[in-house]
Amino acid sequence: MTEGQIIDIARETIWLIIKCSAPMLAVSLIVGLLISIFQTVTSIQEQTLTFLPKLFAIFLMIILTGNWMMKNIANFMIVLAQNFSQYLQ
């Protein structure tokens, strides 16, 4: 296995992680921003107020995009398994 192959696998792995986590991170960011604006407007300075809405939003995104994420991860693992003989050289 060459250094180039290792770098390619690492690059594809990092891209897969970014691609699969982006929906949840984006929703968490948007929900946090909306709650922050709400807190500023109403002068409520409770730190724990953002926790539950973000948690529910992330769970909802996992439910909505979980199948897509699993397909991406499974396809990546299939490609790695198919090319396994090349990595042993």
C-alpha atoms as a PDB file:
ATOM      1  CA  MET A   1       0.000   0.000   0.000  1.00  0.00           C
ATOM      2  CA  THR A   2       1.476   3.303  -1.057  1.00  0.00           C
ATOM      3  CA  GLU A   3       1.337   6.631   0.709  1.00  0.00           C
ATOM      4  CA  GLY A   4      -0.851   7.965  -2.108  1.00  0.00           C
ATOM      5  CA  GLN A   5      -3.454   5.270  -1.497  1.00  0.00           C
ATOM      6  CA  ILE A   6      -3.472   6.006   2.222  1.00  0.00           C
ATOM      7  CA  ILE A   7      -3.925   9.718   1.562  1.00  0.00           C
ATOM      8  CA  ASP A   8      -6.735   9.023  -0.932  1.00  0.00           C
ATOM      9  CA  ILE A   9      -8.572   6.784   1.548  1.00  0.00           C
ATOM     10  CA  ALA A  10      -8.119   9.351   4.320  1.00  0.00           C
ATOM     11  CA  ARG A  11      -9.364  12.152   2.048  1.00  0.00           C
ATOM     12  CA  GLU A  12     -12.442  10.145   1.023  1.00  0.00           C
ATOM     13  CA  THR A  13     -13.120   9.244   4.657  1.00  0.00           C
ATOM     14  CA  ILE A  14     -12.923  12.854   5.817  1.00  0.00           C
ATOM     15  CA  TRP A  15     -15.169  13.973   2.956  1.00  0.00           C
ATOM     16  CA  LEU A  16     -17.703  11.259   3.891  1.00  0.00           C
ATOM     17  CA  ILE A  17     -17.674  12.409   7.523  1.00  0.00           C
ATOM     18  CA  ILE A  18     -18.245  16.025   6.472  1.00  0.00           C
ATOM     19  CA  LYS A  19     -20.978  15.083   4.020  1.00  0.00           C
ATOM     20  CA  CYS A  20     -22.855  12.883   6.504  1.00  0.00           C
ATOM     21  CA  SER A  21     -22.592  15.257   9.452  1.00  0.00           C
ATOM     22  CA  ALA A  22     -23.425  18.455   7.549  1.00  0.00           C
ATOM     23  CA  PRO A  23     -27.246  18.180   7.773  1.00  0.00           C
ATOM     24  CA  MET A  24     -27.177  17.751  11.548  1.00  0.00           C
ATOM     25  CA  LEU A  25     -24.623  20.498  12.069  1.00  0.00           C
ATOM     26  CA  ALA A  26     -26.558  22.903   9.848  1.00  0.00           C
ATOM     27  CA  VAL A  27     -29.829  22.259  11.680  1.00  0.00           C
ATOM     28  CA  SER A  28     -28.101  22.647  15.037  1.00  0.00           C
ATOM     29  CA  LEU A  29     -26.611  25.947  13.896  1.00  0.00           C
ATOM     30  CA  ILE A  30     -29.933  27.277  12.612  1.00  0.00           C
ATOM     31  CA  VAL A  31     -31.873  26.221  15.723  1.00  0.00           C
ATOM     32  CA  GLY A  32     -29.181  27.717  17.964  1.00  0.00           C
ATOM     33  CA  LEU A  33     -29.265  30.977  16.032  1.00  0.00           C
ATOM     34  CA  LEU A  34     -33.063  31.203  16.202  1.00  0.00           C
ATOM     35  CA  ILE A  35     -33.081  30.518  19.938  1.00  0.00           C
ATOM     36  CA  SER A  36     -30.292  33.046  20.456  1.00  0.00           C
ATOM     37  CA  ILE A  37     -32.311  35.689  18.615  1.00  0.00           C
ATOM     38  CA  PHE A  38     -35.368  34.758  20.699  1.00  0.00           C
ATOM     39  CA  GLN A  39     -33.327  35.071  23.909  1.00  0.00           C
ATOM     40  CA  THR A  40     -31.992  38.456  22.861  1.00  0.00           C
ATOM     41  CA  VAL A  41     -35.431  39.806  21.976  1.00  0.00           C
ATOM     42  CA  THR A  42     -37.091  38.553  25.169  1.00  0.00           C
ATOM     43  CA  SER A  43     -34.105  39.173  27.491  1.00  0.00           C
ATOM     44  CA  ILE A  44     -34.230  35.557  28.690  1.00  0.00           C
ATOM     45  CA  GLN A  45     -30.655  34.547  29.513  1.00  0.00           C
ATOM     46  CA  GLU A  46     -31.129  30.871  30.314  1.00  0.00           C
ATOM     47  CA  GLN A  47     -28.169  28.814  29.073  1.00  0.00           C
ATOM     48  CA  THR A  48     -30.018  25.495  29.077  1.00  0.00           C
ATOM     49  CA  LEU A  49     -32.819  26.782  26.841  1.00  0.00           C
ATOM     50  CA  THR A  50     -30.995  25.797  23.652  1.00  0.00           C
ATOM     51  CA  PHE A  51     -30.244  22.225  24.654  1.00  0.00           C
ATOM     52  CA  LEU A  52     -33.579  20.464  24.145  1.00  0.00           C
ATOM     53  CA  PRO A  53     -34.609  22.161  20.875  1.00  0.00           C
ATOM     54  CA  LYS A  54     -31.204  21.372  19.368  1.00  0.00           C
ATOM     55  CA  LEU A  55     -31.420  17.789  20.594  1.00  0.00           C
ATOM     56  CA  PHE A  56     -34.880  17.305  19.075  1.00  0.00           C
ATOM     57  CA  ALA A  57     -33.816  18.947  15.814  1.00  0.00           C
ATOM     58  CA  ILE A  58     -30.775  16.683  15.533  1.00  0.00           C
ATOM     59  CA  PHE A  59     -32.884  13.588  16.286  1.00  0.00           C
ATOM     60  CA  LEU A  60     -35.343  14.674  13.605  1.00  0.00           C
ATOM     61  CA  MET A  61     -32.506  15.087  11.100  1.00  0.00           C
ATOM     62  CA  ILE A  62     -31.158  11.643  11.971  1.00  0.00           C
ATOM     63  CA  ILE A  63     -34.616  10.199  11.348  1.00  0.00           C
ATOM     64  CA  LEU A  64     -34.945  12.061   8.043  1.00  0.00           C
ATOM     65  CA  THR A  65     -31.410  11.536   6.699  1.00  0.00           C
ATOM     66  CA  GLY A  66     -30.364   8.342   8.487  1.00  0.00           C
ATOM     67  CA  ASN A  67     -31.116   6.123   5.509  1.00  0.00           C
ATOM     68  CA  TRP A  68     -29.086   8.353   3.196  1.00  0.00           C
ATOM     69  CA  MET A  69     -26.166   8.419   5.639  1.00  0.00           C
ATOM     70  CA  MET A  70     -26.179   4.633   5.991  1.00  0.00           C
ATOM     71  CA  LYS A  71     -26.214   4.191   2.214  1.00  0.00           C
ATOM     72  CA  ASN A  72     -23.203   6.490   1.850  1.00  0.00           C
ATOM     73  CA  ILE A  73     -21.266   4.719   4.590  1.00  0.00           C
ATOM     74  CA  ALA A  74     -22.204   1.271   3.264  1.00  0.00           C
ATOM     75  CA  ASN A  75     -21.162   2.210  -0.288  1.00  0.00           C
ATOM     76  CA  PHE A  76     -17.841   3.504   1.027  1.00  0.00           C
ATOM     77  CA  MET A  77     -17.237   0.259   2.926  1.00  0.00           C
ATOM     78  CA  ILE A  78     -18.165  -1.805  -0.127  1.00  0.00           C
ATOM     79  CA  VAL A  79     -15.619   0.099  -2.230  1.00  0.00           C
ATOM     80  CA  LEU A  80     -12.966  -0.417   0.447  1.00  0.00           C
ATOM     81  CA  ALA A  81     -13.741  -4.136   0.642  1.00  0.00           C
ATOM     82  CA  GLN A  82     -13.665  -4.531  -3.150  1.00  0.00           C
ATOM     83  CA  ASN A  83     -10.264  -2.838  -3.359  1.00  0.00           C
ATOM     84  CA  PHE A  84      -8.830  -4.688  -0.379  1.00  0.00           C
ATOM     85  CA  SER A  85      -6.560  -6.860  -2.515  1.00  0.00           C
ATOM     86  CA  GLN A  86      -4.938  -3.729  -3.942  1.00  0.00           C
ATOM     87  CA  TYR A  87      -4.139  -2.476  -0.449  1.00  0.00           C
ATOM     88  CA  LEU A  88      -2.232  -5.644   0.466  1.00  0.00           C
ATOM     89  CA  GLN A  89       0.413  -5.152  -2.206  1.00  0.00           C
END
